[in-house]
Amino acid sequence: MAKTRKTGSRLDKLKALSKILAKEIDNAEPKELPQLARQYRETLKEIEEIEGAESNDDEIADILQKRADDGKSGAVR
């Protein structure tokens, strides 16, 4: 992870962290599991958000973004 910290992108760092957390969860004491599981879920969510942001295939997100840019609400009739 030291190399990733210095040279990797945020996505690379989050993926490395998710691997570390997964190993920690496997070896954790029962009292440590809730905190590790929460951090793991948050890390996965961030990874999905970044990977989703890199993809421009989401037509609905494009429509909602255009509405937001025009000052309109996200609600569509």
PDB file of N, CA and C in Angstrom:
ATOM      1  N   MET A   1       0.819  -1.194   0.000  1.00  0.00           N
ATOM      2  CA  MET A   1       0.000   0.000   0.000  1.00  0.00           C
ATOM      3  C   MET A   1       0.861   1.256   0.000  1.00  0.00           C
ATOM      4  N   ALA A   2       2.086   1.179   0.474  1.00  0.00           N
ATOM      5  CA  ALA A   2       2.953   2.357   0.502  1.00  0.00           C
ATOM      6  C   ALA A   2       3.153   2.914  -0.896  1.00  0.00           C
ATOM      7  N   LYS A   3       3.346   2.056  -1.872  1.00  0.00           N
ATOM      8  CA  LYS A   3       3.524   2.505  -3.251  1.00  0.00           C
ATOM      9  C   LYS A   3       2.242   3.136  -3.774  1.00  0.00           C
ATOM     10  N   THR A   4       1.107   2.536  -3.465  1.00  0.00           N
ATOM     11  CA  THR A   4      -0.180   3.068  -3.903  1.00  0.00           C
ATOM     12  C   THR A   4      -0.421   4.446  -3.305  1.00  0.00           C
ATOM     13  N   ARG A   5      -0.051   4.634  -2.033  1.00  0.00           N
ATOM     14  CA  ARG A   5      -0.241   5.931  -1.376  1.00  0.00           C
ATOM     15  C   ARG A   5       0.505   7.030  -2.100  1.00  0.00           C
ATOM     16  N   LYS A   6       1.677   6.725  -2.615  1.00  0.00           N
ATOM     17  CA  LYS A   6       2.504   7.750  -3.231  1.00  0.00           C
ATOM     18  C   LYS A   6       2.135   8.003  -4.688  1.00  0.00           C
ATOM     19  N   THR A   7       1.748   6.954  -5.413  1.00  0.00           N
ATOM     20  CA  THR A   7       1.592   7.119  -6.852  1.00  0.00           C
ATOM     21  C   THR A   7       0.188   6.850  -7.372  1.00  0.00           C
ATOM     22  N   GLY A   8      -0.638   6.169  -6.626  1.00  0.00           N
ATOM     23  CA  GLY A   8      -1.934   5.762  -7.135  1.00  0.00           C
ATOM     24  C   GLY A   8      -2.979   6.861  -7.113  1.00  0.00           C
ATOM     25  N   SER A   9      -4.009   6.660  -7.918  1.00  0.00           N
ATOM     26  CA  SER A   9      -5.142   7.573  -7.919  1.00  0.00           C
ATOM     27  C   SER A   9      -5.987   7.316  -6.674  1.00  0.00           C
ATOM     28  N   ARG A  10      -6.966   8.153  -6.453  1.00  0.00           N
ATOM     29  CA  ARG A  10      -7.864   7.955  -5.318  1.00  0.00           C
ATOM     30  C   ARG A  10      -8.560   6.605  -5.433  1.00  0.00           C
ATOM     31  N   LEU A  11      -8.956   6.240  -6.642  1.00  0.00           N
ATOM     32  CA  LEU A  11      -9.617   4.957  -6.857  1.00  0.00           C
ATOM     33  C   LEU A  11      -8.683   3.806  -6.504  1.00  0.00           C
ATOM     34  N   ASP A  12      -7.429   3.885  -6.920  1.00  0.00           N
ATOM     35  CA  ASP A  12      -6.457   2.836  -6.588  1.00  0.00           C
ATOM     36  C   ASP A  12      -6.281   2.709  -5.076  1.00  0.00           C
ATOM     37  N   LYS A  13      -6.235   3.846  -4.402  1.00  0.00           N
ATOM     38  CA  LYS A  13      -6.060   3.842  -2.953  1.00  0.00           C
ATOM     39  C   LYS A  13      -7.269   3.225  -2.250  1.00  0.00           C
ATOM     40  N   LEU A  14      -8.458   3.550  -2.741  1.00  0.00           N
ATOM     41  CA  LEU A  14      -9.661   2.985  -2.141  1.00  0.00           C
ATOM     42  C   LEU A  14      -9.746   1.483  -2.370  1.00  0.00           C
ATOM     43  N   LYS A  15      -9.348   1.032  -3.541  1.00  0.00           N
ATOM     44  CA  LYS A  15      -9.367  -0.404  -3.820  1.00  0.00           C
ATOM     45  C   LYS A  15      -8.363  -1.137  -2.931  1.00  0.00           C
ATOM     46  N   ALA A  16      -7.195  -0.537  -2.728  1.00  0.00           N
ATOM     47  CA  ALA A  16      -6.204  -1.137  -1.842  1.00  0.00           C
ATOM     48  C   ALA A  16      -6.741  -1.189  -0.405  1.00  0.00           C
ATOM     49  N   LEU A  17      -7.396  -0.121   0.013  1.00  0.00           N
ATOM     50  CA  LEU A  17      -7.982  -0.083   1.354  1.00  0.00           C
ATOM     51  C   LEU A  17      -9.066  -1.145   1.507  1.00  0.00           C
ATOM     52  N   SER A  18      -9.863  -1.354   0.471  1.00  0.00           N
ATOM     53  CA  SER A  18     -10.933  -2.362   0.567  1.00  0.00           C
ATOM     54  C   SER A  18     -10.347  -3.761   0.754  1.00  0.00           C
ATOM     55  N   LYS A  19      -9.212  -4.032   0.110  1.00  0.00           N
ATOM     56  CA  LYS A  19      -8.559  -5.340   0.284  1.00  0.00           C
ATOM     57  C   LYS A  19      -8.040  -5.505   1.711  1.00  0.00           C
ATOM     58  N   ILE A  20      -7.462  -4.440   2.248  1.00  0.00           N
ATOM     59  CA  ILE A  20      -6.947  -4.483   3.614  1.00  0.00           C
ATOM     60  C   ILE A  20      -8.097  -4.695   4.598  1.00  0.00           C
ATOM     61  N   LEU A  21      -9.180  -3.952   4.396  1.00  0.00           N
ATOM     62  CA  LEU A  21     -10.337  -4.087   5.289  1.00  0.00           C
ATOM     63  C   LEU A  21     -10.945  -5.481   5.212  1.00  0.00           C
ATOM     64  N   ALA A  22     -11.000  -6.052   4.016  1.00  0.00           N
ATOM     65  CA  ALA A  22     -11.550  -7.402   3.862  1.00  0.00           C
ATOM     66  C   ALA A  22     -10.715  -8.403   4.660  1.00  0.00           C
ATOM     67  N   LYS A  23      -9.401  -8.273   4.612  1.00  0.00           N
ATOM     68  CA  LYS A  23      -8.528  -9.161   5.383  1.00  0.00           C
ATOM     69  C   LYS A  23      -8.730  -8.948   6.881  1.00  0.00           C
ATOM     70  N   GLU A  24      -8.854  -7.699   7.291  1.00  0.00           N
ATOM     71  CA  GLU A  24      -9.070  -7.386   8.706  1.00  0.00           C
ATOM     72  C   GLU A  24     -10.392  -7.974   9.196  1.00  0.00           C
ATOM     73  N   ILE A  25     -11.419  -7.899   8.356  1.00  0.00           N
ATOM     74  CA  ILE A  25     -12.721  -8.450   8.722  1.00  0.00           C
ATOM     75  C   ILE A  25     -12.620  -9.959   8.921  1.00  0.00           C
ATOM     76  N   ASP A  26     -11.876 -10.617   8.048  1.00  0.00           N
ATOM     77  CA  ASP A  26     -11.714 -12.066   8.163  1.00  0.00           C
ATOM     78  C   ASP A  26     -11.064 -12.482   9.479  1.00  0.00           C
ATOM     79  N   ASN A  27     -10.188 -11.626  10.009  1.00  0.00           N
ATOM     80  CA  ASN A  27      -9.437 -11.968  11.215  1.00  0.00           C
ATOM     81  C   ASN A  27      -9.901 -11.218  12.460  1.00  0.00           C
ATOM     82  N   ALA A  28     -10.984 -10.463  12.349  1.00  0.00           N
ATOM     83  CA  ALA A  28     -11.406  -9.586  13.442  1.00  0.00           C
ATOM     84  C   ALA A  28     -12.105 -10.338  14.560  1.00  0.00           C
ATOM     85  N   GLU A  29     -11.999  -9.762  15.733  1.00  0.00           N
ATOM     86  CA  GLU A  29     -12.771 -10.210  16.879  1.00  0.00           C
ATOM     87  C   GLU A  29     -14.210  -9.740  16.675  1.00  0.00           C
ATOM     88  N   PRO A  30     -15.174 -10.448  17.231  1.00  0.00           N
ATOM     89  CA  PRO A  30     -16.582 -10.059  17.045  1.00  0.00           C
ATOM     90  C   PRO A  30     -16.887  -8.598  17.402  1.00  0.00           C
ATOM     91  N   LYS A  31     -16.244  -8.077  18.436  1.00  0.00           N
ATOM     92  CA  LYS A  31     -16.524  -6.697  18.837  1.00  0.00           C
ATOM     93  C   LYS A  31     -15.970  -5.674  17.834  1.00  0.00           C
ATOM     94  N   GLU A  32     -15.009  -6.077  17.007  1.00  0.00           N
ATOM     95  CA  GLU A  32     -14.429  -5.177  16.016  1.00  0.00           C
ATOM     96  C   GLU A  32     -15.199  -5.165  14.694  1.00  0.00           C
ATOM     97  N   LEU A  33     -16.030  -6.176  14.475  1.00  0.00           N
ATOM     98  CA  LEU A  33     -16.718  -6.337  13.196  1.00  0.00           C
ATOM     99  C   LEU A  33     -17.610  -5.164  12.793  1.00  0.00           C
ATOM    100  N   PRO A  34     -18.432  -4.615  13.678  1.00  0.00           N
ATOM    101  CA  PRO A  34     -19.315  -3.525  13.227  1.00  0.00           C
ATOM    102  C   PRO A  34     -18.565  -2.329  12.652  1.00  0.00           C
ATOM    103  N   GLN A  35     -17.508  -1.911  13.316  1.00  0.00           N
ATOM    104  CA  GLN A  35     -16.750  -0.760  12.844  1.00  0.00           C
ATOM    105  C   GLN A  35     -16.052  -1.068  11.520  1.00  0.00           C
ATOM    106  N   LEU A  36     -15.435  -2.248  11.423  1.00  0.00           N
ATOM    107  CA  LEU A  36     -14.761  -2.624  10.182  1.00  0.00           C
ATOM    108  C   LEU A  36     -15.756  -2.782   9.035  1.00  0.00           C
ATOM    109  N   ALA A  37     -16.906  -3.380   9.325  1.00  0.00           N
ATOM    110  CA  ALA A  37     -17.921  -3.562   8.289  1.00  0.00           C
ATOM    111  C   ALA A  37     -18.432  -2.218   7.788  1.00  0.00           C
ATOM    112  N   ARG A  38     -18.645  -1.293   8.701  1.00  0.00           N
ATOM    113  CA  ARG A  38     -19.100   0.043   8.305  1.00  0.00           C
ATOM    114  C   ARG A  38     -18.068   0.725   7.407  1.00  0.00           C
ATOM    115  N   GLN A  39     -16.810   0.670   7.782  1.00  0.00           N
ATOM    116  CA  GLN A  39     -15.751   1.283   6.979  1.00  0.00           C
ATOM    117  C   GLN A  39     -15.646   0.603   5.615  1.00  0.00           C
ATOM    118  N   TYR A  40     -15.789  -0.713   5.607  1.00  0.00           N
ATOM    119  CA  TYR A  40     -15.727  -1.462   4.355  1.00  0.00           C
ATOM    120  C   TYR A  40     -16.867  -1.039   3.416  1.00  0.00           C
ATOM    121  N   ARG A  41     -18.093  -0.939   3.967  1.00  0.00           N
ATOM    122  CA  ARG A  41     -19.239  -0.514   3.155  1.00  0.00           C
ATOM    123  C   ARG A  41     -19.038   0.893   2.617  1.00  0.00           C
ATOM    124  N   GLU A  42     -18.537   1.798   3.437  1.00  0.00           N
ATOM    125  CA  GLU A  42     -18.299   3.172   2.996  1.00  0.00           C
ATOM    126  C   GLU A  42     -17.238   3.223   1.903  1.00  0.00           C
ATOM    127  N   THR A  43     -16.220   2.399   2.041  1.00  0.00           N
ATOM    128  CA  THR A  43     -15.162   2.347   1.031  1.00  0.00           C
ATOM    129  C   THR A  43     -15.713   1.823  -0.289  1.00  0.00           C
ATOM    130  N   LEU A  44     -16.511   0.758  -0.234  1.00  0.00           N
ATOM    131  CA  LEU A  44     -17.119   0.218  -1.450  1.00  0.00           C
ATOM    132  C   LEU A  44     -18.037   1.240  -2.112  1.00  0.00           C
ATOM    133  N   LYS A  45     -18.772   1.984  -1.300  1.00  0.00           N
ATOM    134  CA  LYS A  45     -19.667   3.010  -1.837  1.00  0.00           C
ATOM    135  C   LYS A  45     -18.872   4.088  -2.571  1.00  0.00           C
ATOM    136  N   GLU A  46     -17.765   4.517  -1.981  1.00  0.00           N
ATOM    137  CA  GLU A  46     -16.921   5.519  -2.641  1.00  0.00           C
ATOM    138  C   GLU A  46     -16.358   4.991  -3.948  1.00  0.00           C
ATOM    139  N   ILE A  47     -15.925   3.735  -3.952  1.00  0.00           N
ATOM    140  CA  ILE A  47     -15.402   3.131  -5.172  1.00  0.00           C
ATOM    141  C   ILE A  47     -16.483   3.140  -6.252  1.00  0.00           C
ATOM    142  N   GLU A  48     -17.690   2.714  -5.898  1.00  0.00           N
ATOM    143  CA  GLU A  48     -18.795   2.687  -6.860  1.00  0.00           C
ATOM    144  C   GLU A  48     -19.127   4.087  -7.367  1.00  0.00           C
ATOM    145  N   GLU A  49     -19.064   5.083  -6.486  1.00  0.00           N
ATOM    146  CA  GLU A  49     -19.342   6.456  -6.905  1.00  0.00           C
ATOM    147  C   GLU A  49     -18.301   6.952  -7.899  1.00  0.00           C
ATOM    148  N   ILE A  50     -17.038   6.671  -7.626  1.00  0.00           N
ATOM    149  CA  ILE A  50     -15.978   7.105  -8.531  1.00  0.00           C
ATOM    150  C   ILE A  50     -16.077   6.380  -9.860  1.00  0.00           C
ATOM    151  N   GLU A  51     -16.262   5.079  -9.815  1.00  0.00           N
ATOM    152  CA  GLU A  51     -16.366   4.315 -11.052  1.00  0.00           C
ATOM    153  C   GLU A  51     -17.607   4.736 -11.829  1.00  0.00           C
ATOM    154  N   GLY A  52     -18.669   5.060 -11.129  1.00  0.00           N
ATOM    155  CA  GLY A  52     -19.875   5.531 -11.802  1.00  0.00           C
ATOM    156  C   GLY A  52     -19.683   6.903 -12.421  1.00  0.00           C
ATOM    157  N   ALA A  53     -18.908   7.744 -11.750  1.00  0.00           N
ATOM    158  CA  ALA A  53     -18.641   9.079 -12.266  1.00  0.00           C
ATOM    159  C   ALA A  53     -17.796   9.022 -13.526  1.00  0.00           C
ATOM    160  N   GLU A  54     -16.975   7.996 -13.655  1.00  0.00           N
ATOM    161  CA  GLU A  54     -16.124   7.862 -14.828  1.00  0.00           C
ATOM    162  C   GLU A  54     -16.919   7.382 -16.042  1.00  0.00           C
ATOM    163  N   SER A  55     -18.072   6.780 -15.806  1.00  0.00           N
ATOM    164  CA  SER A  55     -18.906   6.263 -16.880  1.00  0.00           C
ATOM    165  C   SER A  55     -19.928   7.317 -17.281  1.00  0.00           C
ATOM    166  N   ASN A  56     -20.020   7.593 -18.559  1.00  0.00           N
ATOM    167  CA  ASN A  56     -20.977   8.571 -19.053  1.00  0.00           C
ATOM    168  C   ASN A  56     -22.155   7.887 -19.740  1.00  0.00           C
ATOM    169  N   ASP A  57     -22.452   6.656 -19.368  1.00  0.00           N
ATOM    170  CA  ASP A  57     -23.496   5.881 -20.020  1.00  0.00           C
ATOM    171  C   ASP A  57     -24.863   6.077 -19.384  1.00  0.00           C
ATOM    172  N   ASP A  58     -24.979   6.827 -18.332  1.00  0.00           N
ATOM    173  CA  ASP A  58     -26.220   6.946 -17.583  1.00  0.00           C
ATOM    174  C   ASP A  58     -27.061   8.097 -18.132  1.00  0.00           C
ATOM    175  N   GLU A  59     -28.039   7.773 -18.965  1.00  0.00           N
ATOM    176  CA  GLU A  59     -28.882   8.790 -19.581  1.00  0.00           C
ATOM    177  C   GLU A  59     -29.732   9.523 -18.556  1.00  0.00           C
ATOM    178  N   ILE A  60     -30.240   8.812 -17.571  1.00  0.00           N
ATOM    179  CA  ILE A  60     -31.080   9.439 -16.548  1.00  0.00           C
ATOM    180  C   ILE A  60     -30.276  10.449 -15.748  1.00  0.00           C
ATOM    181  N   ALA A  61     -29.051  10.080 -15.387  1.00  0.00           N
ATOM    182  CA  ALA A  61     -28.200  11.017 -14.651  1.00  0.00           C
ATOM    183  C   ALA A  61     -27.922  12.258 -15.494  1.00  0.00           C
ATOM    184  N   ASP A  62     -27.747  12.081 -16.803  1.00  0.00           N
ATOM    185  CA  ASP A  62     -27.523  13.221 -17.691  1.00  0.00           C
ATOM    186  C   ASP A  62     -28.728  14.160 -17.704  1.00  0.00           C
ATOM    187  N   ILE A  63     -29.923  13.575 -17.772  1.00  0.00           N
ATOM    188  CA  ILE A  63     -31.145  14.383 -17.769  1.00  0.00           C
ATOM    189  C   ILE A  63     -31.277  15.148 -16.456  1.00  0.00           C
ATOM    190  N   LEU A  64     -31.066  14.446 -15.344  1.00  0.00           N
ATOM    191  CA  LEU A  64     -31.167  15.101 -14.038  1.00  0.00           C
ATOM    192  C   LEU A  64     -30.116  16.192 -13.880  1.00  0.00           C
ATOM    193  N   GLN A  65     -28.917  15.957 -14.398  1.00  0.00           N
ATOM    194  CA  GLN A  65     -27.867  16.973 -14.310  1.00  0.00           C
ATOM    195  C   GLN A  65     -28.227  18.203 -15.143  1.00  0.00           C
ATOM    196  N   LYS A  66     -28.780  17.997 -16.317  1.00  0.00           N
ATOM    197  CA  LYS A  66     -29.204  19.124 -17.159  1.00  0.00           C
ATOM    198  C   LYS A  66     -30.294  19.927 -16.457  1.00  0.00           C
ATOM    199  N   ARG A  67     -31.238  19.230 -15.808  1.00  0.00           N
ATOM    200  CA  ARG A  67     -32.300  19.924 -15.069  1.00  0.00           C
ATOM    201  C   ARG A  67     -31.697  20.732 -13.920  1.00  0.00           C
ATOM    202  N   ALA A  68     -30.749  20.142 -13.217  1.00  0.00           N
ATOM    203  CA  ALA A  68     -30.108  20.846 -12.101  1.00  0.00           C
ATOM    204  C   ALA A  68     -29.344  22.069 -12.609  1.00  0.00           C
ATOM    205  N   ASP A  69     -28.671  21.922 -13.750  1.00  0.00           N
ATOM    206  CA  ASP A  69     -27.927  23.040 -14.323  1.00  0.00           C
ATOM    207  C   ASP A  69     -28.853  24.177 -14.730  1.00  0.00           C
ATOM    208  N   ASP A  70     -30.087  23.831 -15.142  1.00  0.00           N
ATOM    209  CA  ASP A  70     -31.082  24.834 -15.534  1.00  0.00           C
ATOM    210  C   ASP A  70     -31.832  25.403 -14.342  1.00  0.00           C
ATOM    211  N   GLY A  71     -31.520  24.921 -13.128  1.00  0.00           N
ATOM    212  CA  GLY A  71     -32.174  25.411 -11.938  1.00  0.00           C
ATOM    213  C   GLY A  71     -33.512  24.763 -11.664  1.00  0.00           C
ATOM    214  N   LYS A  72     -33.781  23.662 -12.339  1.00  0.00           N
ATOM    215  CA  LYS A  72     -35.042  22.952 -12.152  1.00  0.00           C
ATOM    216  C   LYS A  72     -34.863  21.867 -11.099  1.00  0.00           C
ATOM    217  N   SER A  73     -35.992  21.406 -10.559  1.00  0.00           N
ATOM    218  CA  SER A  73     -35.917  20.351  -9.554  1.00  0.00           C
ATOM    219  C   SER A  73     -35.588  19.012 -10.219  1.00  0.00           C
ATOM    220  N   GLY A  74     -35.214  18.050  -9.396  1.00  0.00           N
ATOM    221  CA  GLY A  74     -34.912  16.718  -9.911  1.00  0.00           C
ATOM    222  C   GLY A  74     -36.145  15.919 -10.238  1.00  0.00           C
ATOM    223  N   ALA A  75     -37.319  16.411  -9.829  1.00  0.00           N
ATOM    224  CA  ALA A  75     -38.560  15.680 -10.082  1.00  0.00           C
ATOM    225  C   ALA A  75     -38.935  15.809 -11.551  1.00  0.00           C
ATOM    226  N   VAL A  76     -39.280  14.686 -12.135  1.00  0.00           N
ATOM    227  CA  VAL A  76     -39.687  14.657 -13.534  1.00  0.00           C
ATOM    228  C   VAL A  76     -41.096  14.103 -13.599  1.00  0.00           C
ATOM    229  N   ARG A  77     -41.956  14.749 -14.365  1.00  0.00           N
ATOM    230  CA  ARG A  77     -43.349  14.283 -14.475  1.00  0.00           C
ATOM    231  C   ARG A  77     -43.494  13.280 -15.573  1.00  0.00           C
TER     232      ARG A  77
END
